[in-house]
Amino acid sequence: MGIKLLCTRDFGKKSISGIQRLGYDIEVVEDDNLYYKDEFKEAEVLLCYDPFKTLDIGKMNKLKWIQLFSVGIDQAPKDDIRKKNIILTNNKGGYSIPMGEWIVLKILEMLKHSQKFYEKQKNKIWKMDMGILELWGKTVGFIGTGSIAKEAASRLKPFGVKILGLNTKGSDVEYFDKCFSLENVENMLKLSDIVVVSIPYTKKTNHLVNENLFKSMKNGVYIVNIARGSILDEKSLLENIKNGKIAGAALDVVENEPLDESSPFWKFENVTITPHNSWVSDQVDIRRFNMIYDNLKRYASGDKLVNIVDINKGY
């Protein structure tokens, strides 16, 4: 008998056969409304996004490894994982390329007033806009210097920008001209014309960008958030959009998704709202499966897995 594997996604006949050839006995089930069954008791590996609202992994006594399809681990039952000493891996890097491209797109859209031009086109208005800005010479500050930020930074470099980054210790990172430690976040923000939020969500980063940090930013700053909505204090964000401190914001994530129809964020001409869509591309499924297949191969061979999450750090 092979290694018992529970998977909440049907990768297709060819891919499933490839997994079986690695020595796995795979059972495909639905992610939604998945409850524990006796046939799950032999499962050693779980490939999933978020079955944890209903699936009690505490009953899966042989479970040794959970591979998430997502980068974020908010949904994972951390107490059970710690208690049972389960290895948790995520899809780090799997969405970095499309999200890096998205960041560049949104920065350019804001500086070039694209939303206003689209509205003019819709209403058949031919009118020049003399307030367009150049990206050249601007300073872009990334709150978080992980794989997504690195992909964005590598694409921004040819535009002639200065790129700053924020990480725990201020460690140097490829493509970044200078990095700051978390305790020096205000120093980075004072220099940044554009601020990109790309840090993982943890208890420590909840409302990390609060009123004090908004005060540290330049007047007329531009904000891009592709991380998690709760990293920004949305009340402070709203006030700073209203008072003009923030010249533009591109929000792919919000605190409560989907964004309520009554939210004031919908009404601002200088705010772009997208439905947590920055990770989507024609390549993400292929990239995700290749990473998972590589990890399955490593696990079957007893080799170290990639993308192991430090459950205490939260990433």
C-alpha atoms as a PDB file:
ATOM      1  CA  MET A   1       0.000   0.000   0.000  1.00  0.00           C
ATOM      2  CA  GLY A   2       1.269   3.477  -0.880  1.00  0.00           C
ATOM      3  CA  ILE A   3       1.368   6.650   1.177  1.00  0.00           C
ATOM      4  CA  LYS A   4      -2.237   7.643   1.885  1.00  0.00           C
ATOM      5  CA  LEU A   5      -2.875  11.098   0.406  1.00  0.00           C
ATOM      6  CA  LEU A   6      -6.047  13.182   0.743  1.00  0.00           C
ATOM      7  CA  CYS A   7      -6.381  15.876  -1.928  1.00  0.00           C
ATOM      8  CA  THR A   8      -9.135  18.497  -2.245  1.00  0.00           C
ATOM      9  CA  ARG A   9      -8.421  19.311  -5.888  1.00  0.00           C
ATOM     10  CA  ASP A  10      -8.733  17.154  -8.993  1.00  0.00           C
ATOM     11  CA  PHE A  11      -5.537  17.845 -10.943  1.00  0.00           C
ATOM     12  CA  GLY A  12      -6.709  15.703 -13.861  1.00  0.00           C
ATOM     13  CA  LYS A  13      -6.128  12.118 -14.831  1.00  0.00           C
ATOM     14  CA  LYS A  14      -2.588  12.582 -16.163  1.00  0.00           C
ATOM     15  CA  SER A  15      -1.382  14.487 -13.089  1.00  0.00           C
ATOM     16  CA  ILE A  16      -3.090  12.095 -10.663  1.00  0.00           C
ATOM     17  CA  SER A  17      -1.400   9.159 -12.400  1.00  0.00           C
ATOM     18  CA  GLY A  18       1.945  10.929 -11.997  1.00  0.00           C
ATOM     19  CA  ILE A  19       1.342  11.293  -8.254  1.00  0.00           C
ATOM     20  CA  GLN A  20       0.380   7.622  -7.992  1.00  0.00           C
ATOM     21  CA  ARG A  21       3.619   6.620  -9.714  1.00  0.00           C
ATOM     22  CA  LEU A  22       5.494   8.380  -6.892  1.00  0.00           C
ATOM     23  CA  GLY A  23       3.986   5.823  -4.513  1.00  0.00           C
ATOM     24  CA  TYR A  24       0.874   7.604  -3.263  1.00  0.00           C
ATOM     25  CA  ASP A  25      -2.588   6.168  -2.709  1.00  0.00           C
ATOM     26  CA  ILE A  26      -4.561   9.317  -3.534  1.00  0.00           C
ATOM     27  CA  GLU A  27      -8.178  10.105  -2.709  1.00  0.00           C
ATOM     28  CA  VAL A  28      -9.728  13.253  -4.211  1.00  0.00           C
ATOM     29  CA  VAL A  29     -12.475  14.950  -2.178  1.00  0.00           C
ATOM     30  CA  GLU A  30     -14.218  18.341  -2.214  1.00  0.00           C
ATOM     31  CA  ASP A  31     -12.764  21.184  -0.119  1.00  0.00           C
ATOM     32  CA  ASP A  32     -16.177  22.552   0.901  1.00  0.00           C
ATOM     33  CA  ASN A  33     -18.145  20.935   3.719  1.00  0.00           C
ATOM     34  CA  LEU A  34     -15.529  18.239   4.194  1.00  0.00           C
ATOM     35  CA  TYR A  35     -16.073  16.319   7.403  1.00  0.00           C
ATOM     36  CA  TYR A  36     -13.923  13.621   8.950  1.00  0.00           C
ATOM     37  CA  LYS A  37     -14.668  10.064   7.828  1.00  0.00           C
ATOM     38  CA  ASP A  38     -13.181   6.801   9.055  1.00  0.00           C
ATOM     39  CA  GLU A  39     -11.475   6.283   5.682  1.00  0.00           C
ATOM     40  CA  PHE A  40      -9.383   9.402   6.378  1.00  0.00           C
ATOM     41  CA  LYS A  41      -7.725   7.873   9.441  1.00  0.00           C
ATOM     42  CA  GLU A  42      -4.822   6.456   7.389  1.00  0.00           C
ATOM     43  CA  ALA A  43      -4.127   9.737   5.589  1.00  0.00           C
ATOM     44  CA  GLU A  44      -0.515  10.821   6.021  1.00  0.00           C
ATOM     45  CA  VAL A  45      -0.600  13.795   3.633  1.00  0.00           C
ATOM     46  CA  LEU A  46      -3.273  16.453   3.032  1.00  0.00           C
ATOM     47  CA  LEU A  47      -3.225  18.695  -0.059  1.00  0.00           C
ATOM     48  CA  CYS A  48      -5.795  21.462   0.328  1.00  0.00           C
ATOM     49  CA  TYR A  49      -6.779  25.109   0.448  1.00  0.00           C
ATOM     50  CA  ASP A  50      -9.229  25.416   3.350  1.00  0.00           C
ATOM     51  CA  PRO A  51     -11.278  22.428   4.465  1.00  0.00           C
ATOM     52  CA  PHE A  52     -10.620  23.338   8.110  1.00  0.00           C
ATOM     53  CA  LYS A  53     -13.955  25.029   8.832  1.00  0.00           C
ATOM     54  CA  THR A  54     -15.500  21.557   8.920  1.00  0.00           C
ATOM     55  CA  LEU A  55     -12.628  19.053   8.816  1.00  0.00           C
ATOM     56  CA  ASP A  56     -11.240  18.199  12.255  1.00  0.00           C
ATOM     57  CA  ILE A  57      -7.625  17.210  11.621  1.00  0.00           C
ATOM     58  CA  GLY A  58      -7.325  16.382  15.320  1.00  0.00           C
ATOM     59  CA  LYS A  59      -8.964  13.047  14.456  1.00  0.00           C
ATOM     60  CA  MET A  60      -6.437  12.297  11.695  1.00  0.00           C
ATOM     61  CA  ASN A  61      -3.884  10.576  13.905  1.00  0.00           C
ATOM     62  CA  LYS A  62      -1.485   9.619  11.092  1.00  0.00           C
ATOM     63  CA  LEU A  63      -1.404  13.034   9.429  1.00  0.00           C
ATOM     64  CA  LYS A  64       2.219  14.212   9.113  1.00  0.00           C
ATOM     65  CA  TRP A  65       2.178  16.878   6.405  1.00  0.00           C
ATOM     66  CA  ILE A  66      -0.259  19.518   5.112  1.00  0.00           C
ATOM     67  CA  GLN A  67       0.511  21.177   1.775  1.00  0.00           C
ATOM     68  CA  LEU A  68      -1.575  24.315   1.236  1.00  0.00           C
ATOM     69  CA  PHE A  69      -2.475  25.532  -2.246  1.00  0.00           C
ATOM     70  CA  SER A  70      -2.256  29.106  -0.949  1.00  0.00           C
ATOM     71  CA  VAL A  71       0.604  31.338   0.142  1.00  0.00           C
ATOM     72  CA  GLY A  72      -1.308  32.665   3.154  1.00  0.00           C
ATOM     73  CA  ILE A  73      -1.795  30.330   6.114  1.00  0.00           C
ATOM     74  CA  ASP A  74      -4.556  32.254   7.924  1.00  0.00           C
ATOM     75  CA  GLN A  75      -6.963  29.353   7.494  1.00  0.00           C
ATOM     76  CA  ALA A  76      -4.678  26.668   8.917  1.00  0.00           C
ATOM     77  CA  PRO A  77      -5.558  25.237  12.390  1.00  0.00           C
ATOM     78  CA  LYS A  78      -2.271  26.264  13.979  1.00  0.00           C
ATOM     79  CA  ASP A  79      -2.957  24.799  17.441  1.00  0.00           C
ATOM     80  CA  ASP A  80      -3.626  21.327  16.033  1.00  0.00           C
ATOM     81  CA  ILE A  81      -0.588  21.588  13.760  1.00  0.00           C
ATOM     82  CA  ARG A  82       1.658  22.501  16.710  1.00  0.00           C
ATOM     83  CA  LYS A  83       0.144  19.853  18.986  1.00  0.00           C
ATOM     84  CA  LYS A  84       0.509  17.049  16.427  1.00  0.00           C
ATOM     85  CA  ASN A  85       3.876  18.336  15.125  1.00  0.00           C
ATOM     86  CA  ILE A  86       2.557  18.374  11.546  1.00  0.00           C
ATOM     87  CA  ILE A  87       4.745  19.841   8.793  1.00  0.00           C
ATOM     88  CA  LEU A  88       2.987  22.743   7.056  1.00  0.00           C
ATOM     89  CA  THR A  89       4.071  23.931   3.613  1.00  0.00           C
ATOM     90  CA  ASN A  90       2.560  26.641   1.448  1.00  0.00           C
ATOM     91  CA  ASN A  91       2.671  27.853  -2.163  1.00  0.00           C
ATOM     92  CA  LYS A  92       5.281  30.547  -1.573  1.00  0.00           C
ATOM     93  CA  GLY A  93       6.473  31.941  -4.892  1.00  0.00           C
ATOM     94  CA  GLY A  94       3.623  30.376  -6.835  1.00  0.00           C
ATOM     95  CA  TYR A  95       1.822  33.683  -7.370  1.00  0.00           C
ATOM     96  CA  SER A  96       4.805  36.028  -7.281  1.00  0.00           C
ATOM     97  CA  ILE A  97       5.124  36.656 -11.022  1.00  0.00           C
ATOM     98  CA  PRO A  98       1.499  37.688 -11.728  1.00  0.00           C
ATOM     99  CA  MET A  99       1.378  39.695  -8.496  1.00  0.00           C
ATOM    100  CA  GLY A 100       4.662  41.411  -9.324  1.00  0.00           C
ATOM    101  CA  GLU A 101       3.234  42.378 -12.706  1.00  0.00           C
ATOM    102  CA  TRP A 102       0.028  43.560 -11.028  1.00  0.00           C
ATOM    103  CA  ILE A 103       1.929  45.898  -8.713  1.00  0.00           C
ATOM    104  CA  VAL A 104       3.700  47.542 -11.660  1.00  0.00           C
ATOM    105  CA  LEU A 105       0.383  47.827 -13.526  1.00  0.00           C
ATOM    106  CA  LYS A 106      -1.401  49.542 -10.645  1.00  0.00           C
ATOM    107  CA  ILE A 107       1.438  51.969  -9.982  1.00  0.00           C
ATOM    108  CA  LEU A 108       1.445  53.049 -13.620  1.00  0.00           C
ATOM    109  CA  GLU A 109      -2.345  53.259 -13.753  1.00  0.00           C
ATOM    110  CA  MET A 110      -2.402  55.611 -10.779  1.00  0.00           C
ATOM    111  CA  LEU A 111       0.435  57.865 -11.980  1.00  0.00           C
ATOM    112  CA  LYS A 112      -0.997  58.004 -15.521  1.00  0.00           C
ATOM    113  CA  HIS A 113      -4.607  58.606 -14.343  1.00  0.00           C
ATOM    114  CA  SER A 114      -5.838  55.610 -16.319  1.00  0.00           C
ATOM    115  CA  GLN A 115      -9.097  55.347 -14.408  1.00  0.00           C
ATOM    116  CA  LYS A 116     -10.022  58.930 -15.367  1.00  0.00           C
ATOM    117  CA  PHE A 117      -9.233  58.249 -19.028  1.00  0.00           C
ATOM    118  CA  TYR A 118     -11.367  55.080 -19.017  1.00  0.00           C
ATOM    119  CA  GLU A 119     -14.244  57.111 -17.608  1.00  0.00           C
ATOM    120  CA  LYS A 120     -13.761  59.786 -20.278  1.00  0.00           C
ATOM    121  CA  GLN A 121     -13.772  57.127 -22.983  1.00  0.00           C
ATOM    122  CA  LYS A 122     -16.953  55.632 -21.566  1.00  0.00           C
ATOM    123  CA  ASN A 123     -18.608  59.057 -21.745  1.00  0.00           C
ATOM    124  CA  LYS A 124     -17.007  59.989 -25.117  1.00  0.00           C
ATOM    125  CA  ILE A 125     -15.125  62.946 -23.639  1.00  0.00           C
ATOM    126  CA  TRP A 126     -12.003  64.133 -25.503  1.00  0.00           C
ATOM    127  CA  LYS A 127     -10.058  66.117 -22.933  1.00  0.00           C
ATOM    128  CA  MET A 128      -6.336  66.175 -22.152  1.00  0.00           C
ATOM    129  CA  ASP A 129      -5.006  65.669 -18.630  1.00  0.00           C
ATOM    130  CA  MET A 130      -1.920  67.764 -17.872  1.00  0.00           C
ATOM    131  CA  GLY A 131      -1.405  66.269 -14.400  1.00  0.00           C
ATOM    132  CA  ILE A 132       0.203  62.998 -15.505  1.00  0.00           C
ATOM    133  CA  LEU A 133       3.257  61.895 -13.491  1.00  0.00           C
ATOM    134  CA  GLU A 134       6.390  59.991 -14.496  1.00  0.00           C
ATOM    135  CA  LEU A 135       7.493  56.896 -12.638  1.00  0.00           C
ATOM    136  CA  TRP A 136      11.115  57.777 -13.429  1.00  0.00           C
ATOM    137  CA  GLY A 137      12.937  59.203 -10.435  1.00  0.00           C
ATOM    138  CA  LYS A 138      10.317  58.111  -7.905  1.00  0.00           C
ATOM    139  CA  THR A 139      11.059  56.094  -4.762  1.00  0.00           C
ATOM    140  CA  VAL A 140       9.037  52.931  -4.180  1.00  0.00           C
ATOM    141  CA  GLY A 141       8.982  51.517  -0.653  1.00  0.00           C
ATOM    142  CA  PHE A 142       7.944  47.906  -0.100  1.00  0.00           C
ATOM    143  CA  ILE A 143       6.606  46.859   3.303  1.00  0.00           C
ATOM    144  CA  GLY A 144       7.840  43.277   3.008  1.00  0.00           C
ATOM    145  CA  THR A 145      10.657  42.020   0.778  1.00  0.00           C
ATOM    146  CA  GLY A 146       9.528  38.459   0.022  1.00  0.00           C
ATOM    147  CA  SER A 147       9.173  36.758  -3.351  1.00  0.00           C
ATOM    148  CA  ILE A 148       6.264  38.950  -4.526  1.00  0.00           C
ATOM    149  CA  ALA A 149       8.113  42.161  -3.681  1.00  0.00           C
ATOM    150  CA  LYS A 150      11.271  40.878  -5.393  1.00  0.00           C
ATOM    151  CA  GLU A 151       9.374  40.093  -8.608  1.00  0.00           C
ATOM    152  CA  ALA A 152       7.838  43.564  -8.579  1.00  0.00           C
ATOM    153  CA  ALA A 153      11.157  45.243  -7.751  1.00  0.00           C
ATOM    154  CA  SER A 154      12.955  43.467 -10.595  1.00  0.00           C
ATOM    155  CA  ARG A 155      10.333  44.790 -13.029  1.00  0.00           C
ATOM    156  CA  LEU A 156      10.393  48.323 -11.610  1.00  0.00           C
ATOM    157  CA  LYS A 157      14.188  48.673 -11.866  1.00  0.00           C
ATOM    158  CA  PRO A 158      14.220  49.522 -15.605  1.00  0.00           C
ATOM    159  CA  PHE A 159      11.862  52.464 -14.948  1.00  0.00           C
ATOM    160  CA  GLY A 160      14.668  54.324 -13.172  1.00  0.00           C
ATOM    161  CA  VAL A 161      13.196  54.213  -9.673  1.00  0.00           C
ATOM    162  CA  LYS A 162      14.843  53.905  -6.280  1.00  0.00           C
ATOM    163  CA  ILE A 163      13.589  50.819  -4.455  1.00  0.00           C
ATOM    164  CA  LEU A 164      13.464  50.568  -0.668  1.00  0.00           C
ATOM    165  CA  GLY A 165      12.383  47.592   1.387  1.00  0.00           C
ATOM    166  CA  LEU A 166      11.273  46.777   4.904  1.00  0.00           C
ATOM    167  CA  ASN A 167      11.982  43.462   6.590  1.00  0.00           C
ATOM    168  CA  THR A 168      12.538  42.216  10.134  1.00  0.00           C
ATOM    169  CA  LYS A 169      16.242  42.991  10.428  1.00  0.00           C
ATOM    170  CA  GLY A 170      16.817  45.345   7.501  1.00  0.00           C
ATOM    171  CA  SER A 171      18.666  42.586   5.640  1.00  0.00           C
ATOM    172  CA  ASP A 172      19.891  43.297   2.108  1.00  0.00           C
ATOM    173  CA  VAL A 173      17.700  41.846  -0.655  1.00  0.00           C
ATOM    174  CA  GLU A 174      18.348  41.566  -4.388  1.00  0.00           C
ATOM    175  CA  TYR A 175      16.869  44.434  -6.477  1.00  0.00           C
ATOM    176  CA  PHE A 176      16.487  46.701  -3.417  1.00  0.00           C
ATOM    177  CA  ASP A 177      18.716  49.774  -3.133  1.00  0.00           C
ATOM    178  CA  LYS A 178      18.327  49.850   0.633  1.00  0.00           C
ATOM    179  CA  CYS A 179      16.431  47.871   3.252  1.00  0.00           C
ATOM    180  CA  PHE A 180      15.187  49.025   6.657  1.00  0.00           C
ATOM    181  CA  SER A 181      14.321  47.055   9.786  1.00  0.00           C
ATOM    182  CA  LEU A 182      10.784  47.069  11.176  1.00  0.00           C
ATOM    183  CA  GLU A 183      11.809  49.467  13.926  1.00  0.00           C
ATOM    184  CA  ASN A 184      12.906  51.950  11.251  1.00  0.00           C
ATOM    185  CA  VAL A 185       9.728  51.740   9.163  1.00  0.00           C
ATOM    186  CA  GLU A 186       9.005  55.456   9.555  1.00  0.00           C
ATOM    187  CA  ASN A 187      12.382  56.355   8.064  1.00  0.00           C
ATOM    188  CA  MET A 188      11.564  54.347   4.937  1.00  0.00           C
ATOM    189  CA  LEU A 189       8.068  55.772   4.594  1.00  0.00           C
ATOM    190  CA  LYS A 190       9.329  59.364   4.772  1.00  0.00           C
ATOM    191  CA  LEU A 191      11.359  58.698   1.616  1.00  0.00           C
ATOM    192  CA  SER A 192       8.727  56.814  -0.389  1.00  0.00           C
ATOM    193  CA  ASP A 193       6.549  58.320  -3.115  1.00  0.00           C
ATOM    194  CA  ILE A 194       4.783  54.978  -3.530  1.00  0.00           C
ATOM    195  CA  VAL A 195       4.218  52.419  -0.762  1.00  0.00           C
ATOM    196  CA  VAL A 196       3.517  48.769  -1.590  1.00  0.00           C
ATOM    197  CA  VAL A 197       2.152  46.501   1.147  1.00  0.00           C
ATOM    198  CA  SER A 198       3.509  43.006   0.492  1.00  0.00           C
ATOM    199  CA  ILE A 199       4.186  41.619   3.972  1.00  0.00           C
ATOM    200  CA  PRO A 200       2.578  38.377   5.249  1.00  0.00           C
ATOM    201  CA  TYR A 201      -0.382  38.731   7.577  1.00  0.00           C
ATOM    202  CA  THR A 202       0.286  37.724  11.191  1.00  0.00           C
ATOM    203  CA  LYS A 203      -0.938  38.911  14.579  1.00  0.00           C
ATOM    204  CA  LYS A 204       2.047  41.277  14.627  1.00  0.00           C
ATOM    205  CA  THR A 205       1.228  42.799  11.230  1.00  0.00           C
ATOM    206  CA  ASN A 206      -2.474  43.299  11.966  1.00  0.00           C
ATOM    207  CA  HIS A 207      -3.038  47.064  11.459  1.00  0.00           C
ATOM    208  CA  LEU A 208       0.715  47.495  11.098  1.00  0.00           C
ATOM    209  CA  VAL A 209       0.021  50.465   8.820  1.00  0.00           C
ATOM    210  CA  ASN A 210      -1.879  52.666  11.275  1.00  0.00           C
ATOM    211  CA  GLU A 211      -2.431  56.407  11.720  1.00  0.00           C
ATOM    212  CA  ASN A 212       1.105  56.925  13.029  1.00  0.00           C
ATOM    213  CA  LEU A 213       2.595  55.369   9.903  1.00  0.00           C
ATOM    214  CA  PHE A 214       0.279  57.319   7.608  1.00  0.00           C
ATOM    215  CA  LYS A 215       1.559  60.473   9.306  1.00  0.00           C
ATOM    216  CA  SER A 216       5.117  59.410   8.442  1.00  0.00           C
ATOM    217  CA  MET A 217       4.291  59.172   4.739  1.00  0.00           C
ATOM    218  CA  LYS A 218       4.747  61.958   2.205  1.00  0.00           C
ATOM    219  CA  ASN A 219       1.798  64.127   1.287  1.00  0.00           C
ATOM    220  CA  GLY A 220       0.457  62.810  -2.008  1.00  0.00           C
ATOM    221  CA  VAL A 221       1.714  59.261  -1.458  1.00  0.00           C
ATOM    222  CA  TYR A 222       0.359  56.353  -3.529  1.00  0.00           C
ATOM    223  CA  ILE A 223      -0.574  53.045  -1.861  1.00  0.00           C
ATOM    224  CA  VAL A 224      -0.770  49.525  -3.320  1.00  0.00           C
ATOM    225  CA  ASN A 225      -1.987  46.635  -1.153  1.00  0.00           C
ATOM    226  CA  ILE A 226      -1.778  43.066  -2.474  1.00  0.00           C
ATOM    227  CA  ALA A 227      -1.123  41.402   0.915  1.00  0.00           C
ATOM    228  CA  ARG A 228      -4.082  41.334   3.323  1.00  0.00           C
ATOM    229  CA  GLY A 229      -6.632  44.052   4.019  1.00  0.00           C
ATOM    230  CA  SER A 230      -6.146  43.827   7.774  1.00  0.00           C
ATOM    231  CA  ILE A 231      -2.526  44.984   7.549  1.00  0.00           C
ATOM    232  CA  LEU A 232      -3.915  48.463   6.879  1.00  0.00           C
ATOM    233  CA  ASP A 233      -6.055  50.227   9.459  1.00  0.00           C
ATOM    234  CA  GLU A 234      -8.922  50.951   7.072  1.00  0.00           C
ATOM    235  CA  LYS A 235     -10.410  53.750   9.188  1.00  0.00           C
ATOM    236  CA  SER A 236      -7.119  55.625   9.004  1.00  0.00           C
ATOM    237  CA  LEU A 237      -6.747  54.745   5.329  1.00  0.00           C
ATOM    238  CA  LEU A 238     -10.185  56.188   4.620  1.00  0.00           C
ATOM    239  CA  GLU A 239      -9.464  59.422   6.497  1.00  0.00           C
ATOM    240  CA  ASN A 240      -6.155  59.915   4.708  1.00  0.00           C
ATOM    241  CA  ILE A 241      -7.793  59.412   1.322  1.00  0.00           C
ATOM    242  CA  LYS A 242     -10.463  61.955   2.263  1.00  0.00           C
ATOM    243  CA  ASN A 243      -7.976  64.581   3.448  1.00  0.00           C
ATOM    244  CA  GLY A 244      -5.748  64.176   0.397  1.00  0.00           C
ATOM    245  CA  LYS A 245      -2.707  62.771   2.187  1.00  0.00           C
ATOM    246  CA  ILE A 246      -3.054  59.729  -0.081  1.00  0.00           C
ATOM    247  CA  ALA A 247      -3.132  60.702  -3.751  1.00  0.00           C
ATOM    248  CA  GLY A 248      -4.228  57.274  -4.910  1.00  0.00           C
ATOM    249  CA  ALA A 249      -4.751  53.728  -3.663  1.00  0.00           C
ATOM    250  CA  ALA A 250      -4.941  50.387  -5.448  1.00  0.00           C
ATOM    251  CA  LEU A 251      -6.563  47.851  -3.142  1.00  0.00           C
ATOM    252  CA  ASP A 252      -6.692  44.234  -4.253  1.00  0.00           C
ATOM    253  CA  VAL A 253      -7.525  43.193  -0.689  1.00  0.00           C
ATOM    254  CA  VAL A 254      -9.754  44.633   2.043  1.00  0.00           C
ATOM    255  CA  GLU A 255     -10.433  43.719   5.658  1.00  0.00           C
ATOM    256  CA  ASN A 256     -13.813  42.137   4.983  1.00  0.00           C
ATOM    257  CA  GLU A 257     -14.167  40.406   1.631  1.00  0.00           C
ATOM    258  CA  PRO A 258     -16.189  40.782  -0.465  1.00  0.00           C
ATOM    259  CA  LEU A 259     -16.223  44.559   0.022  1.00  0.00           C
ATOM    260  CA  ASP A 260     -19.697  45.655   1.115  1.00  0.00           C
ATOM    261  CA  GLU A 261     -21.691  47.626  -1.442  1.00  0.00           C
ATOM    262  CA  SER A 262     -22.113  50.433   1.093  1.00  0.00           C
ATOM    263  CA  SER A 263     -18.355  50.859   1.579  1.00  0.00           C
ATOM    264  CA  PRO A 264     -17.119  54.413   0.865  1.00  0.00           C
ATOM    265  CA  PHE A 265     -14.058  52.989  -0.899  1.00  0.00           C
ATOM    266  CA  TRP A 266     -16.195  52.328  -3.991  1.00  0.00           C
ATOM    267  CA  LYS A 267     -16.909  56.035  -4.417  1.00  0.00           C
ATOM    268  CA  PHE A 268     -13.424  57.539  -4.698  1.00  0.00           C
ATOM    269  CA  GLU A 269     -12.131  58.381  -8.172  1.00  0.00           C
ATOM    270  CA  ASN A 270      -8.556  57.869  -6.980  1.00  0.00           C
ATOM    271  CA  VAL A 271      -9.138  54.406  -5.475  1.00  0.00           C
ATOM    272  CA  THR A 272      -9.030  51.229  -7.550  1.00  0.00           C
ATOM    273  CA  ILE A 273     -10.802  48.204  -6.065  1.00  0.00           C
ATOM    274  CA  THR A 274     -10.153  44.714  -7.422  1.00  0.00           C
ATOM    275  CA  PRO A 275     -11.566  41.450  -5.967  1.00  0.00           C
ATOM    276  CA  HIS A 276      -8.402  39.785  -4.587  1.00  0.00           C
ATOM    277  CA  ASN A 277      -7.487  39.066  -8.194  1.00  0.00           C
ATOM    278  CA  SER A 278      -3.780  39.934  -8.418  1.00  0.00           C
ATOM    279  CA  TRP A 279      -2.618  36.311  -8.158  1.00  0.00           C
ATOM    280  CA  VAL A 280      -4.650  35.030 -11.123  1.00  0.00           C
ATOM    281  CA  SER A 281      -2.921  34.120 -14.396  1.00  0.00           C
ATOM    282  CA  ASP A 282      -2.819  31.466 -17.097  1.00  0.00           C
ATOM    283  CA  GLN A 283       0.272  29.923 -15.472  1.00  0.00           C
ATOM    284  CA  VAL A 284      -0.580  29.679 -11.768  1.00  0.00           C
ATOM    285  CA  ASP A 285      -2.177  26.222 -11.899  1.00  0.00           C
ATOM    286  CA  ILE A 286       0.831  24.801 -13.727  1.00  0.00           C
ATOM    287  CA  ARG A 287       3.266  26.490 -11.362  1.00  0.00           C
ATOM    288  CA  ARG A 288       1.320  25.326  -8.293  1.00  0.00           C
ATOM    289  CA  PHE A 289       1.145  21.709  -9.435  1.00  0.00           C
ATOM    290  CA  ASN A 290       4.852  21.609 -10.323  1.00  0.00           C
ATOM    291  CA  MET A 291       5.763  22.833  -6.827  1.00  0.00           C
ATOM    292  CA  ILE A 292       3.403  20.331  -5.166  1.00  0.00           C
ATOM    293  CA  TYR A 293       4.671  17.478  -7.345  1.00  0.00           C
ATOM    294  CA  ASP A 294       8.256  18.354  -6.429  1.00  0.00           C
ATOM    295  CA  ASN A 295       7.342  18.321  -2.729  1.00  0.00           C
ATOM    296  CA  LEU A 296       5.511  15.013  -3.067  1.00  0.00           C
ATOM    297  CA  LYS A 297       8.598  13.565  -4.739  1.00  0.00           C
ATOM    298  CA  ARG A 298      10.772  14.894  -1.902  1.00  0.00           C
ATOM    299  CA  TYR A 299       8.460  13.507   0.792  1.00  0.00           C
ATOM    300  CA  ALA A 300       8.333  10.057  -0.804  1.00  0.00           C
ATOM    301  CA  SER A 301      12.140  10.046  -0.975  1.00  0.00           C
ATOM    302  CA  GLY A 302      12.603  11.329   2.579  1.00  0.00           C
ATOM    303  CA  ASP A 303      14.163  14.608   1.388  1.00  0.00           C
ATOM    304  CA  LYS A 304      13.556  18.046   2.914  1.00  0.00           C
ATOM    305  CA  LEU A 305      10.423  19.790   1.655  1.00  0.00           C
ATOM    306  CA  VAL A 306      10.398  23.274   0.163  1.00  0.00           C
ATOM    307  CA  ASN A 307       8.243  26.147   1.462  1.00  0.00           C
ATOM    308  CA  ILE A 308       8.097  24.876   5.047  1.00  0.00           C
ATOM    309  CA  VAL A 309       6.179  27.382   7.177  1.00  0.00           C
ATOM    310  CA  ASP A 310       7.402  28.459  10.603  1.00  0.00           C
ATOM    311  CA  ILE A 311       4.062  28.185  12.361  1.00  0.00           C
ATOM    312  CA  ASN A 312       5.210  30.461  15.188  1.00  0.00           C
ATOM    313  CA  LYS A 313       6.295  33.254  12.851  1.00  0.00           C
ATOM    314  CA  GLY A 314       3.225  32.786  10.662  1.00  0.00           C
ATOM    315  CA  TYR A 315       5.065  32.526   7.330  1.00  0.00           C
END
